[in-house]
PDB file of all heavy atoms in Angstrom:
ATOM      1  N   HIS A   1       0.811  -1.202   0.000  1.00  0.00           N
ATOM      2  CA  HIS A   1       0.000   0.000   0.000  1.00  0.00           C
ATOM      3  C   HIS A   1       0.849   1.258   0.000  1.00  0.00           C
ATOM      4  O   HIS A   1       0.465   2.272  -0.597  1.00  0.00           O
ATOM      5  CB  HIS A   1      -0.972  -0.028   1.176  1.00  0.00           C
ATOM      6  CG  HIS A   1      -2.126  -0.959   0.942  1.00  0.00           C
ATOM      7  ND1 HIS A   1      -3.238  -1.000   1.756  1.00  0.00           N
ATOM      8  CD2 HIS A   1      -2.348  -1.888  -0.019  1.00  0.00           C
ATOM      9  CE1 HIS A   1      -4.095  -1.905   1.293  1.00  0.00           C
ATOM     10  NE2 HIS A   1      -3.576  -2.448   0.227  1.00  0.00           N
ATOM     11  N   LEU A   2       2.007   1.209   0.628  1.00  0.00           N
ATOM     12  CA  LEU A   2       2.909   2.354   0.581  1.00  0.00           C
ATOM     13  C   LEU A   2       3.440   2.556  -0.837  1.00  0.00           C
ATOM     14  O   LEU A   2       3.402   3.674  -1.378  1.00  0.00           O
ATOM     15  CB  LEU A   2       4.074   2.141   1.554  1.00  0.00           C
ATOM     16  CG  LEU A   2       5.216   3.176   1.466  1.00  0.00           C
ATOM     17  CD1 LEU A   2       4.705   4.570   1.797  1.00  0.00           C
ATOM     18  CD2 LEU A   2       6.359   2.779   2.388  1.00  0.00           C
ATOM     19  N   LEU A   3       3.918   1.494  -1.459  1.00  0.00           N
ATOM     20  CA  LEU A   3       4.562   1.632  -2.756  1.00  0.00           C
ATOM     21  C   LEU A   3       3.573   1.797  -3.906  1.00  0.00           C
ATOM     22  O   LEU A   3       3.961   2.212  -5.003  1.00  0.00           O
ATOM     23  CB  LEU A   3       5.480   0.429  -3.010  1.00  0.00           C
ATOM     24  CG  LEU A   3       6.631   0.275  -2.006  1.00  0.00           C
ATOM     25  CD1 LEU A   3       7.507  -0.921  -2.380  1.00  0.00           C
ATOM     26  CD2 LEU A   3       7.470   1.536  -1.913  1.00  0.00           C
ATOM     27  N   CYS A   4       2.312   1.489  -3.665  1.00  0.00           N
ATOM     28  CA  CYS A   4       1.298   1.731  -4.696  1.00  0.00           C
ATOM     29  C   CYS A   4       0.725   3.149  -4.638  1.00  0.00           C
ATOM     30  O   CYS A   4      -0.043   3.538  -5.537  1.00  0.00           O
ATOM     31  CB  CYS A   4       0.159   0.716  -4.581  1.00  0.00           C
ATOM     32  SG  CYS A   4       0.555  -0.913  -5.270  1.00  0.00           S
ATOM     33  N   GLU A   5       1.095   3.916  -3.614  1.00  0.00           N
ATOM     34  CA  GLU A   5       0.579   5.290  -3.510  1.00  0.00           C
ATOM     35  C   GLU A   5       0.807   6.099  -4.792  1.00  0.00           C
ATOM     36  O   GLU A   5      -0.122   6.735  -5.313  1.00  0.00           O
ATOM     37  CB  GLU A   5       1.202   6.005  -2.314  1.00  0.00           C
ATOM     38  CG  GLU A   5       0.630   5.596  -0.976  1.00  0.00           C
ATOM     39  CD  GLU A   5       1.311   6.326   0.179  1.00  0.00           C
ATOM     40  OE1 GLU A   5       2.170   7.206  -0.075  1.00  0.00           O
ATOM     41  OE2 GLU A   5       0.975   6.026   1.339  1.00  0.00           O
ATOM     42  N   PRO A   6       2.023   6.112  -5.348  1.00  0.00           N
ATOM     43  CA  PRO A   6       2.210   6.909  -6.567  1.00  0.00           C
ATOM     44  C   PRO A   6       1.502   6.337  -7.782  1.00  0.00           C
ATOM     45  O   PRO A   6       1.181   7.085  -8.719  1.00  0.00           O
ATOM     46  CB  PRO A   6       3.737   6.897  -6.755  1.00  0.00           C
ATOM     47  CG  PRO A   6       4.217   5.688  -6.028  1.00  0.00           C
ATOM     48  CD  PRO A   6       3.292   5.544  -4.855  1.00  0.00           C
ATOM     49  N   ILE A   7       1.231   5.038  -7.786  1.00  0.00           N
ATOM     50  CA  ILE A   7       0.520   4.442  -8.921  1.00  0.00           C
ATOM     51  C   ILE A   7      -0.942   4.888  -8.902  1.00  0.00           C
ATOM     52  O   ILE A   7      -1.499   5.297  -9.932  1.00  0.00           O
ATOM     53  CB  ILE A   7       0.629   2.911  -8.879  1.00  0.00           C
ATOM     54  CG1 ILE A   7       2.103   2.487  -8.865  1.00  0.00           C
ATOM     55  CG2 ILE A   7      -0.111   2.288 -10.048  1.00  0.00           C
ATOM     56  CD1 ILE A   7       2.954   3.108  -9.955  1.00  0.00           C
ATOM     57  N   LEU A   8      -1.546   4.864  -7.736  1.00  0.00           N
ATOM     58  CA  LEU A   8      -2.917   5.367  -7.619  1.00  0.00           C
ATOM     59  C   LEU A   8      -2.971   6.856  -7.934  1.00  0.00           C
ATOM     60  O   LEU A   8      -3.922   7.343  -8.563  1.00  0.00           O
ATOM     61  CB  LEU A   8      -3.460   5.084  -6.215  1.00  0.00           C
ATOM     62  CG  LEU A   8      -3.679   3.601  -5.892  1.00  0.00           C
ATOM     63  CD1 LEU A   8      -4.023   3.422  -4.414  1.00  0.00           C
ATOM     64  CD2 LEU A   8      -4.780   3.002  -6.764  1.00  0.00           C
ATOM     65  N   ASP A   9      -1.946   7.594  -7.518  1.00  0.00           N
ATOM     66  CA  ASP A   9      -1.870   9.023  -7.828  1.00  0.00           C
ATOM     67  C   ASP A   9      -1.790   9.240  -9.335  1.00  0.00           C
ATOM     68  O   ASP A   9      -2.427  10.154  -9.882  1.00  0.00           O
ATOM     69  CB  ASP A   9      -0.657   9.633  -7.124  1.00  0.00           C
ATOM     70  CG  ASP A   9      -0.490  11.112  -7.426  1.00  0.00           C
ATOM     71  OD1 ASP A   9      -1.507  11.802  -7.602  1.00  0.00           O
ATOM     72  OD2 ASP A   9       0.669  11.590  -7.482  1.00  0.00           O
ATOM     73  N   ALA A  10      -1.026   8.399 -10.028  1.00  0.00           N
ATOM     74  CA  ALA A  10      -0.906   8.541 -11.483  1.00  0.00           C
ATOM     75  C   ALA A  10      -2.262   8.372 -12.160  1.00  0.00           C
ATOM     76  O   ALA A  10      -2.620   9.150 -13.063  1.00  0.00           O
ATOM     77  CB  ALA A  10       0.089   7.516 -12.026  1.00  0.00           C
ATOM     78  N   PHE A  11      -3.017   7.370 -11.743  1.00  0.00           N
ATOM     79  CA  PHE A  11      -4.346   7.190 -12.325  1.00  0.00           C
ATOM     80  C   PHE A  11      -5.235   8.400 -12.033  1.00  0.00           C
ATOM     81  O   PHE A  11      -5.995   8.853 -12.893  1.00  0.00           O
ATOM     82  CB  PHE A  11      -4.998   5.912 -11.794  1.00  0.00           C
ATOM     83  CG  PHE A  11      -4.435   4.656 -12.382  1.00  0.00           C
ATOM     84  CD1 PHE A  11      -3.906   3.651 -11.575  1.00  0.00           C
ATOM     85  CD2 PHE A  11      -4.428   4.453 -13.757  1.00  0.00           C
ATOM     86  CE1 PHE A  11      -3.384   2.487 -12.112  1.00  0.00           C
ATOM     87  CE2 PHE A  11      -3.906   3.280 -14.315  1.00  0.00           C
ATOM     88  CZ  PHE A  11      -3.383   2.306 -13.484  1.00  0.00           C
ATOM     89  N   ASP A  12      -5.121   8.935 -10.831  1.00  0.00           N
ATOM     90  CA  ASP A  12      -5.908  10.116 -10.476  1.00  0.00           C
ATOM     91  C   ASP A  12      -5.555  11.296 -11.377  1.00  0.00           C
ATOM     92  O   ASP A  12      -6.431  12.043 -11.824  1.00  0.00           O
ATOM     93  CB  ASP A  12      -5.669  10.471  -9.001  1.00  0.00           C
ATOM     94  CG  ASP A  12      -6.573  11.597  -8.521  1.00  0.00           C
ATOM     95  OD1 ASP A  12      -7.809  11.416  -8.563  1.00  0.00           O
ATOM     96  OD2 ASP A  12      -6.047  12.656  -8.122  1.00  0.00           O
ATOM     97  N   ARG A  13      -4.277  11.471 -11.671  1.00  0.00           N
ATOM     98  CA  ARG A  13      -3.837  12.547 -12.562  1.00  0.00           C
ATOM     99  C   ARG A  13      -4.417  12.391 -13.959  1.00  0.00           C
ATOM    100  O   ARG A  13      -4.593  13.375 -14.688  1.00  0.00           O
ATOM    101  CB  ARG A  13      -2.309  12.569 -12.636  1.00  0.00           C
ATOM    102  CG  ARG A  13      -1.625  12.975 -11.340  1.00  0.00           C
ATOM    103  CD  ARG A  13      -0.123  12.714 -11.413  1.00  0.00           C
ATOM    104  NE  ARG A  13       0.515  12.932 -10.119  1.00  0.00           N
ATOM    105  CZ  ARG A  13       1.501  13.809  -9.900  1.00  0.00           C
ATOM    106  NH1 ARG A  13       1.980  14.524 -10.886  1.00  0.00           N
ATOM    107  NH2 ARG A  13       2.011  13.943  -8.696  1.00  0.00           N
ATOM    108  N   LEU A  14      -4.671  11.148 -14.341  1.00  0.00           N
ATOM    109  CA  LEU A  14      -5.241  10.869 -15.657  1.00  0.00           C
ATOM    110  C   LEU A  14      -6.766  10.970 -15.660  1.00  0.00           C
ATOM    111  O   LEU A  14      -7.406  10.756 -16.695  1.00  0.00           O
ATOM    112  CB  LEU A  14      -4.825   9.468 -16.113  1.00  0.00           C
ATOM    113  CG  LEU A  14      -3.320   9.283 -16.381  1.00  0.00           C
ATOM    114  CD1 LEU A  14      -2.986   7.803 -16.522  1.00  0.00           C
ATOM    115  CD2 LEU A  14      -2.888  10.054 -17.614  1.00  0.00           C
ATOM    116  N   GLY A  15      -7.334  11.273 -14.503  1.00  0.00           N
ATOM    117  CA  GLY A  15      -8.783  11.391 -14.399  1.00  0.00           C
ATOM    118  C   GLY A  15      -9.489  10.057 -14.284  1.00  0.00           C
ATOM    119  O   GLY A  15     -10.689   9.953 -14.595  1.00  0.00           O
ATOM    120  N   ILE A  16      -8.772   9.031 -13.807  1.00  0.00           N
ATOM    121  CA  ILE A  16      -9.336   7.683 -13.698  1.00  0.00           C
ATOM    122  C   ILE A  16      -9.505   7.317 -12.236  1.00  0.00           C
ATOM    123  O   ILE A  16      -8.573   7.433 -11.442  1.00  0.00           O
ATOM    124  CB  ILE A  16      -8.416   6.660 -14.400  1.00  0.00           C
ATOM    125  CG1 ILE A  16      -8.405   6.928 -15.902  1.00  0.00           C
ATOM    126  CG2 ILE A  16      -8.871   5.232 -14.116  1.00  0.00           C
ATOM    127  CD1 ILE A  16      -7.391   6.109 -16.662  1.00  0.00           C
ATOM    128  N   ASP A  17     -10.694   6.888 -11.878  1.00  0.00           N
ATOM    129  CA  ASP A  17     -10.996   6.467 -10.515  1.00  0.00           C
ATOM    130  C   ASP A  17     -10.572   5.012 -10.358  1.00  0.00           C
ATOM    131  O   ASP A  17     -11.318   4.093 -10.684  1.00  0.00           O
ATOM    132  CB  ASP A  17     -12.492   6.627 -10.240  1.00  0.00           C
ATOM    133  CG  ASP A  17     -12.866   6.262  -8.809  1.00  0.00           C
ATOM    134  OD1 ASP A  17     -11.953   6.160  -7.971  1.00  0.00           O
ATOM    135  OD2 ASP A  17     -14.071   6.081  -8.544  1.00  0.00           O
ATOM    136  N   ALA A  18      -9.351   4.809  -9.871  1.00  0.00           N
ATOM    137  CA  ALA A  18      -8.804   3.463  -9.704  1.00  0.00           C
ATOM    138  C   ALA A  18      -8.500   3.224  -8.239  1.00  0.00           C
ATOM    139  O   ALA A  18      -8.106   4.135  -7.512  1.00  0.00           O
ATOM    140  CB  ALA A  18      -7.539   3.296 -10.538  1.00  0.00           C
ATOM    141  N   ASP A  19      -8.652   1.980  -7.806  1.00  0.00           N
ATOM    142  CA  ASP A  19      -8.373   1.625  -6.409  1.00  0.00           C
ATOM    143  C   ASP A  19      -8.172   0.117  -6.329  1.00  0.00           C
ATOM    144  O   ASP A  19      -8.415  -0.611  -7.297  1.00  0.00           O
ATOM    145  CB  ASP A  19      -9.529   2.052  -5.505  1.00  0.00           C
ATOM    146  CG  ASP A  19      -9.075   2.311  -4.062  1.00  0.00           C
ATOM    147  OD1 ASP A  19      -7.952   1.873  -3.700  1.00  0.00           O
ATOM    148  OD2 ASP A  19      -9.844   2.922  -3.308  1.00  0.00           O
ATOM    149  N   TYR A  20      -7.758  -0.347  -5.152  1.00  0.00           N
ATOM    150  CA  TYR A  20      -7.638  -1.789  -4.949  1.00  0.00           C
ATOM    151  C   TYR A  20      -9.013  -2.437  -5.114  1.00  0.00           C
ATOM    152  O   TYR A  20     -10.037  -1.858  -4.740  1.00  0.00           O
ATOM    153  CB  TYR A  20      -7.106  -2.095  -3.548  1.00  0.00           C
ATOM    154  CG  TYR A  20      -5.778  -1.448  -3.260  1.00  0.00           C
ATOM    155  CD1 TYR A  20      -5.700  -0.326  -2.447  1.00  0.00           C
ATOM    156  CD2 TYR A  20      -4.600  -1.952  -3.802  1.00  0.00           C
ATOM    157  CE1 TYR A  20      -4.487   0.288  -2.182  1.00  0.00           C
ATOM    158  CE2 TYR A  20      -3.387  -1.348  -3.546  1.00  0.00           C
ATOM    159  CZ  TYR A  20      -3.326  -0.231  -2.739  1.00  0.00           C
ATOM    160  OH  TYR A  20      -2.137   0.382  -2.488  1.00  0.00           O
ATOM    161  N   VAL A  21      -9.006  -3.631  -5.690  1.00  0.00           N
ATOM    162  CA  VAL A  21     -10.260  -4.357  -5.794  1.00  0.00           C
ATOM    163  C   VAL A  21     -10.813  -4.541  -4.377  1.00  0.00           C
ATOM    164  O   VAL A  21     -10.071  -4.912  -3.458  1.00  0.00           O
ATOM    165  CB  VAL A  21     -10.052  -5.701  -6.520  1.00  0.00           C
ATOM    166  CG1 VAL A  21      -9.108  -6.627  -5.768  1.00  0.00           C
ATOM    167  CG2 VAL A  21     -11.372  -6.385  -6.779  1.00  0.00           C
ATOM    168  N   PRO A  22     -12.097  -4.222  -4.125  1.00  0.00           N
ATOM    169  CA  PRO A  22     -12.608  -4.226  -2.753  1.00  0.00           C
ATOM    170  C   PRO A  22     -12.713  -5.600  -2.119  1.00  0.00           C
ATOM    171  O   PRO A  22     -12.664  -5.739  -0.895  1.00  0.00           O
ATOM    172  CB  PRO A  22     -13.989  -3.572  -2.891  1.00  0.00           C
ATOM    173  CG  PRO A  22     -14.372  -3.778  -4.321  1.00  0.00           C
ATOM    174  CD  PRO A  22     -13.089  -3.719  -5.087  1.00  0.00           C
ATOM    175  N   GLU A  23     -12.850  -6.637  -2.929  1.00  0.00           N
ATOM    176  CA  GLU A  23     -12.929  -7.996  -2.396  1.00  0.00           C
ATOM    177  C   GLU A  23     -12.385  -8.970  -3.439  1.00  0.00           C
ATOM    178  O   GLU A  23     -12.300  -8.645  -4.626  1.00  0.00           O
ATOM    179  CB  GLU A  23     -14.365  -8.365  -2.036  1.00  0.00           C
ATOM    180  CG  GLU A  23     -15.346  -8.265  -3.179  1.00  0.00           C
ATOM    181  CD  GLU A  23     -16.770  -8.499  -2.735  1.00  0.00           C
ATOM    182  OE1 GLU A  23     -17.015  -8.545  -1.519  1.00  0.00           O
ATOM    183  OE2 GLU A  23     -17.639  -8.647  -3.615  1.00  0.00           O
ATOM    184  N   SER A  24     -12.005 -10.138  -2.981  1.00  0.00           N
ATOM    185  CA  SER A  24     -11.428 -11.127  -3.896  1.00  0.00           C
ATOM    186  C   SER A  24     -12.415 -11.496  -5.000  1.00  0.00           C
ATOM    187  O   SER A  24     -13.627 -11.558  -4.781  1.00  0.00           O
ATOM    188  CB  SER A  24     -11.025 -12.385  -3.124  1.00  0.00           C
ATOM    189  OG  SER A  24     -10.006 -12.093  -2.190  1.00  0.00           O
ATOM    190  N   VAL A  25     -11.861 -11.725  -6.197  1.00  0.00           N
ATOM    191  CA  VAL A  25     -12.656 -12.125  -7.366  1.00  0.00           C
ATOM    192  C   VAL A  25     -12.080 -13.444  -7.878  1.00  0.00           C
ATOM    193  O   VAL A  25     -10.862 -13.575  -8.011  1.00  0.00           O
ATOM    194  CB  VAL A  25     -12.590 -11.051  -8.474  1.00  0.00           C
ATOM    195  CG1 VAL A  25     -13.365 -11.510  -9.707  1.00  0.00           C
ATOM    196  CG2 VAL A  25     -13.127  -9.719  -7.952  1.00  0.00           C
ATOM    197  N   PRO A  26     -12.910 -14.452  -8.146  1.00  0.00           N
ATOM    198  CA  PRO A  26     -12.399 -15.771  -8.547  1.00  0.00           C
ATOM    199  C   PRO A  26     -11.591 -15.718  -9.839  1.00  0.00           C
ATOM    200  O   PRO A  26     -11.788 -14.846 -10.691  1.00  0.00           O
ATOM    201  CB  PRO A  26     -13.667 -16.614  -8.730  1.00  0.00           C
ATOM    202  CG  PRO A  26     -14.717 -15.903  -7.938  1.00  0.00           C
ATOM    203  CD  PRO A  26     -14.389 -14.451  -8.017  1.00  0.00           C
ATOM    204  N   GLU A  27     -10.692 -16.688  -9.987  1.00  0.00           N
ATOM    205  CA  GLU A  27      -9.869 -16.769 -11.187  1.00  0.00           C
ATOM    206  C   GLU A  27     -10.690 -17.213 -12.387  1.00  0.00           C
ATOM    207  O   GLU A  27     -11.732 -17.862 -12.262  1.00  0.00           O
ATOM    208  CB  GLU A  27      -8.720 -17.749 -10.981  1.00  0.00           C
ATOM    209  CG  GLU A  27      -9.147 -19.207 -10.899  1.00  0.00           C
ATOM    210  CD  GLU A  27      -7.969 -20.162 -10.824  1.00  0.00           C
ATOM    211  OE1 GLU A  27      -7.054 -19.914 -10.021  1.00  0.00           O
ATOM    212  OE2 GLU A  27      -7.994 -21.166 -11.558  1.00  0.00           O
ATOM    213  N   ILE A  28     -10.198 -16.855 -13.577  1.00  0.00           N
ATOM    214  CA  ILE A  28     -10.724 -17.367 -14.843  1.00  0.00           C
ATOM    215  C   ILE A  28      -9.794 -18.446 -15.379  1.00  0.00           C
ATOM    216  O   ILE A  28     -10.223 -19.535 -15.749  1.00  0.00           O
ATOM    217  CB  ILE A  28     -10.886 -16.223 -15.868  1.00  0.00           C
ATOM    218  CG1 ILE A  28     -11.950 -15.229 -15.383  1.00  0.00           C
ATOM    219  CG2 ILE A  28     -11.270 -16.783 -17.243  1.00  0.00           C
ATOM    220  CD1 ILE A  28     -12.081 -13.991 -16.250  1.00  0.00           C
ATOM    221  N   TRP A  29      -8.487 -18.135 -15.403  1.00  0.00           N
ATOM    222  CA  TRP A  29      -7.472 -19.106 -15.839  1.00  0.00           C
ATOM    223  C   TRP A  29      -6.147 -18.675 -15.226  1.00  0.00           C
ATOM    224  O   TRP A  29      -5.590 -17.642 -15.602  1.00  0.00           O
ATOM    225  CB  TRP A  29      -7.395 -19.140 -17.360  1.00  0.00           C
ATOM    226  CG  TRP A  29      -6.552 -20.261 -17.909  1.00  0.00           C
ATOM    227  CD1 TRP A  29      -6.806 -21.597 -17.847  1.00  0.00           C
ATOM    228  CD2 TRP A  29      -5.305 -20.129 -18.611  1.00  0.00           C
ATOM    229  NE1 TRP A  29      -5.801 -22.309 -18.457  1.00  0.00           N
ATOM    230  CE2 TRP A  29      -4.873 -21.431 -18.941  1.00  0.00           C
ATOM    231  CE3 TRP A  29      -4.528 -19.039 -18.992  1.00  0.00           C
ATOM    232  CZ2 TRP A  29      -3.691 -21.674 -19.636  1.00  0.00           C
ATOM    233  CZ3 TRP A  29      -3.355 -19.276 -19.683  1.00  0.00           C
ATOM    234  CH2 TRP A  29      -2.939 -20.578 -19.998  1.00  0.00           C
ATOM    235  N   SER A  30      -5.640 -19.436 -14.284  1.00  0.00           N
ATOM    236  CA  SER A  30      -4.553 -18.954 -13.427  1.00  0.00           C
ATOM    237  C   SER A  30      -3.198 -18.762 -14.102  1.00  0.00           C
ATOM    238  O   SER A  30      -2.409 -17.935 -13.626  1.00  0.00           O
ATOM    239  CB  SER A  30      -4.390 -19.874 -12.213  1.00  0.00           C
ATOM    240  OG  SER A  30      -4.008 -21.169 -12.609  1.00  0.00           O
ATOM    241  N   PRO A  31      -2.827 -19.466 -15.185  1.00  0.00           N
ATOM    242  CA  PRO A  31      -1.514 -19.189 -15.778  1.00  0.00           C
ATOM    243  C   PRO A  31      -1.350 -17.771 -16.331  1.00  0.00           C
ATOM    244  O   PRO A  31      -0.221 -17.311 -16.523  1.00  0.00           O
ATOM    245  CB  PRO A  31      -1.404 -20.233 -16.890  1.00  0.00           C
ATOM    246  CG  PRO A  31      -2.235 -21.374 -16.400  1.00  0.00           C
ATOM    247  CD  PRO A  31      -3.405 -20.699 -15.747  1.00  0.00           C
ATOM    248  N   ALA A  32      -2.458 -17.070 -16.595  1.00  0.00           N
ATOM    249  CA  ALA A  32      -2.386 -15.684 -17.063  1.00  0.00           C
ATOM    250  C   ALA A  32      -2.629 -14.750 -15.880  1.00  0.00           C
ATOM    251  O   ALA A  32      -3.670 -14.824 -15.228  1.00  0.00           O
ATOM    252  CB  ALA A  32      -3.422 -15.424 -18.154  1.00  0.00           C
ATOM    253  N   CYS A  33      -1.673 -13.882 -15.615  1.00  0.00           N
ATOM    254  CA  CYS A  33      -1.759 -13.022 -14.433  1.00  0.00           C
ATOM    255  C   CYS A  33      -3.062 -12.232 -14.376  1.00  0.00           C
ATOM    256  O   CYS A  33      -3.698 -12.148 -13.330  1.00  0.00           O
ATOM    257  CB  CYS A  33      -0.561 -12.062 -14.417  1.00  0.00           C
ATOM    258  SG  CYS A  33      -0.546 -10.929 -13.009  1.00  0.00           S
ATOM    259  N   TYR A  34      -3.454 -11.672 -15.503  1.00  0.00           N
ATOM    260  CA  TYR A  34      -4.637 -10.819 -15.501  1.00  0.00           C
ATOM    261  C   TYR A  34      -5.943 -11.609 -15.400  1.00  0.00           C
ATOM    262  O   TYR A  34      -7.007 -11.012 -15.242  1.00  0.00           O
ATOM    263  CB  TYR A  34      -4.636  -9.918 -16.742  1.00  0.00           C
ATOM    264  CG  TYR A  34      -3.836  -8.648 -16.527  1.00  0.00           C
ATOM    265  CD1 TYR A  34      -2.446  -8.669 -16.469  1.00  0.00           C
ATOM    266  CD2 TYR A  34      -4.467  -7.430 -16.331  1.00  0.00           C
ATOM    267  CE1 TYR A  34      -1.716  -7.526 -16.250  1.00  0.00           C
ATOM    268  CE2 TYR A  34      -3.755  -6.273 -16.111  1.00  0.00           C
ATOM    269  CZ  TYR A  34      -2.371  -6.325 -16.065  1.00  0.00           C
ATOM    270  OH  TYR A  34      -1.648  -5.179 -15.830  1.00  0.00           O
ATOM    271  N   LEU A  35      -5.853 -12.934 -15.469  1.00  0.00           N
ATOM    272  CA  LEU A  35      -7.041 -13.771 -15.326  1.00  0.00           C
ATOM    273  C   LEU A  35      -7.042 -14.565 -14.027  1.00  0.00           C
ATOM    274  O   LEU A  35      -7.933 -15.367 -13.783  1.00  0.00           O
ATOM    275  CB  LEU A  35      -7.149 -14.738 -16.515  1.00  0.00           C
ATOM    276  CG  LEU A  35      -7.286 -14.075 -17.889  1.00  0.00           C
ATOM    277  CD1 LEU A  35      -7.330 -15.137 -18.981  1.00  0.00           C
ATOM    278  CD2 LEU A  35      -8.510 -13.176 -17.965  1.00  0.00           C
ATOM    279  N   ARG A  36      -6.037 -14.332 -13.183  1.00  0.00           N
ATOM    280  CA  ARG A  36      -6.004 -14.989 -11.881  1.00  0.00           C
ATOM    281  C   ARG A  36      -7.033 -14.357 -10.953  1.00  0.00           C
ATOM    282  O   ARG A  36      -7.624 -13.306 -11.255  1.00  0.00           O
ATOM    283  CB  ARG A  36      -4.607 -14.864 -11.260  1.00  0.00           C
ATOM    284  CG  ARG A  36      -3.559 -15.671 -12.000  1.00  0.00           C
ATOM    285  CD  ARG A  36      -2.172 -15.350 -11.517  1.00  0.00           C
ATOM    286  NE  ARG A  36      -1.924 -15.854 -10.174  1.00  0.00           N
ATOM    287  CZ  ARG A  36      -1.446 -17.065  -9.910  1.00  0.00           C
ATOM    288  NH1 ARG A  36      -1.179 -17.899 -10.900  1.00  0.00           N
ATOM    289  NH2 ARG A  36      -1.204 -17.447  -8.676  1.00  0.00           N
ATOM    290  N   ALA A  37      -7.220 -14.963  -9.802  1.00  0.00           N
ATOM    291  CA  ALA A  37      -8.093 -14.360  -8.791  1.00  0.00           C
ATOM    292  C   ALA A  37      -7.559 -12.978  -8.427  1.00  0.00           C
ATOM    293  O   ALA A  37      -6.339 -12.794  -8.282  1.00  0.00           O
ATOM    294  CB  ALA A  37      -8.145 -15.251  -7.553  1.00  0.00           C
ATOM    295  N   LEU A  38      -8.438 -12.009  -8.305  1.00  0.00           N
ATOM    296  CA  LEU A  38      -8.024 -10.658  -7.932  1.00  0.00           C
ATOM    297  C   LEU A  38      -7.935 -10.563  -6.414  1.00  0.00           C
ATOM    298  O   LEU A  38      -8.803 -11.056  -5.693  1.00  0.00           O
ATOM    299  CB  LEU A  38      -9.009  -9.621  -8.467  1.00  0.00           C
ATOM    300  CG  LEU A  38      -9.199  -9.587  -9.989  1.00  0.00           C
ATOM    301  CD1 LEU A  38     -10.067  -8.400 -10.384  1.00  0.00           C
ATOM    302  CD2 LEU A  38      -7.861  -9.534 -10.711  1.00  0.00           C
ATOM    303  N   HIS A  39      -6.881  -9.892  -5.938  1.00  0.00           N
ATOM    304  CA  HIS A  39      -6.618  -9.814  -4.504  1.00  0.00           C
ATOM    305  C   HIS A  39      -6.577  -8.351  -4.064  1.00  0.00           C
ATOM    306  O   HIS A  39      -5.902  -7.535  -4.703  1.00  0.00           O
ATOM    307  CB  HIS A  39      -5.299 -10.493  -4.176  1.00  0.00           C
ATOM    308  CG  HIS A  39      -5.116 -10.782  -2.717  1.00  0.00           C
ATOM    309  ND1 HIS A  39      -4.872  -9.793  -1.787  1.00  0.00           N
ATOM    310  CD2 HIS A  39      -5.164 -11.942  -2.021  1.00  0.00           C
ATOM    311  CE1 HIS A  39      -4.768 -10.325  -0.587  1.00  0.00           C
ATOM    312  NE2 HIS A  39      -4.944 -11.632  -0.702  1.00  0.00           N
ATOM    313  N   PRO A  40      -7.277  -8.005  -2.979  1.00  0.00           N
ATOM    314  CA  PRO A  40      -7.310  -6.604  -2.524  1.00  0.00           C
ATOM    315  C   PRO A  40      -5.948  -6.037  -2.145  1.00  0.00           C
ATOM    316  O   PRO A  40      -5.788  -4.819  -2.073  1.00  0.00           O
ATOM    317  CB  PRO A  40      -8.238  -6.659  -1.297  1.00  0.00           C
ATOM    318  CG  PRO A  40      -9.073  -7.872  -1.497  1.00  0.00           C
ATOM    319  CD  PRO A  40      -8.186  -8.855  -2.196  1.00  0.00           C
ATOM    320  N   ALA A  41      -4.950  -6.883  -1.914  1.00  0.00           N
ATOM    321  CA  ALA A  41      -3.640  -6.384  -1.482  1.00  0.00           C
ATOM    322  C   ALA A  41      -2.921  -5.635  -2.585  1.00  0.00           C
ATOM    323  O   ALA A  41      -2.237  -4.640  -2.316  1.00  0.00           O
ATOM    324  CB  ALA A  41      -2.773  -7.547  -0.986  1.00  0.00           C
ATOM    325  N   HIS A  42      -3.033  -6.108  -3.843  1.00  0.00           N
ATOM    326  CA  HIS A  42      -2.165  -5.544  -4.866  1.00  0.00           C
ATOM    327  C   HIS A  42      -2.787  -5.433  -6.248  1.00  0.00           C
ATOM    328  O   HIS A  42      -2.118  -4.975  -7.178  1.00  0.00           O
ATOM    329  CB  HIS A  42      -0.880  -6.373  -4.970  1.00  0.00           C
ATOM    330  CG  HIS A  42      -1.116  -7.849  -5.013  1.00  0.00           C
ATOM    331  ND1 HIS A  42      -1.588  -8.493  -6.133  1.00  0.00           N
ATOM    332  CD2 HIS A  42      -0.968  -8.802  -4.067  1.00  0.00           C
ATOM    333  CE1 HIS A  42      -1.705  -9.778  -5.880  1.00  0.00           C
ATOM    334  NE2 HIS A  42      -1.341 -10.006  -4.633  1.00  0.00           N
ATOM    335  N   ASP A  43      -4.037  -5.844  -6.419  1.00  0.00           N
ATOM    336  CA  ASP A  43      -4.685  -5.717  -7.720  1.00  0.00           C
ATOM    337  C   ASP A  43      -5.500  -4.437  -7.764  1.00  0.00           C
ATOM    338  O   ASP A  43      -6.364  -4.207  -6.902  1.00  0.00           O
ATOM    339  CB  ASP A  43      -5.589  -6.925  -7.999  1.00  0.00           C
ATOM    340  CG  ASP A  43      -4.790  -8.174  -8.308  1.00  0.00           C
ATOM    341  OD1 ASP A  43      -3.823  -8.078  -9.087  1.00  0.00           O
ATOM    342  OD2 ASP A  43      -5.117  -9.251  -7.764  1.00  0.00           O
ATOM    343  N   ILE A  44      -5.244  -3.601  -8.756  1.00  0.00           N
ATOM    344  CA  ILE A  44      -5.915  -2.308  -8.889  1.00  0.00           C
ATOM    345  C   ILE A  44      -6.919  -2.397 -10.029  1.00  0.00           C
ATOM    346  O   ILE A  44      -6.602  -2.893 -11.122  1.00  0.00           O
ATOM    347  CB  ILE A  44      -4.875  -1.197  -9.134  1.00  0.00           C
ATOM    348  CG1 ILE A  44      -3.990  -1.038  -7.886  1.00  0.00           C
ATOM    349  CG2 ILE A  44      -5.556   0.119  -9.479  1.00  0.00           C
ATOM    350  CD1 ILE A  44      -2.844  -0.062  -8.048  1.00  0.00           C
ATOM    351  N   VAL A  45      -8.122  -1.912  -9.760  1.00  0.00           N
ATOM    352  CA  VAL A  45      -9.194  -1.976 -10.745  1.00  0.00           C
ATOM    353  C   VAL A  45      -9.752  -0.586 -11.006  1.00  0.00           C
ATOM    354  O   VAL A  45      -9.617   0.331 -10.188  1.00  0.00           O
ATOM    355  CB  VAL A  45     -10.335  -2.917 -10.286  1.00  0.00           C
ATOM    356  CG1 VAL A  45      -9.834  -4.342 -10.123  1.00  0.00           C
ATOM    357  CG2 VAL A  45     -10.966  -2.421  -8.985  1.00  0.00           C
TER     358      VAL A  45
END
């Protein structure tokens, strides 16, 4: 959360409302990172 502060700030500068996913989301296909289960710790949506 400390190191993602500037990443969230960057999205804000672009006018995009981005934040950590509020709750876990099930995987679609785990070998692909973007299709794995989403985790509130480090996945930004």
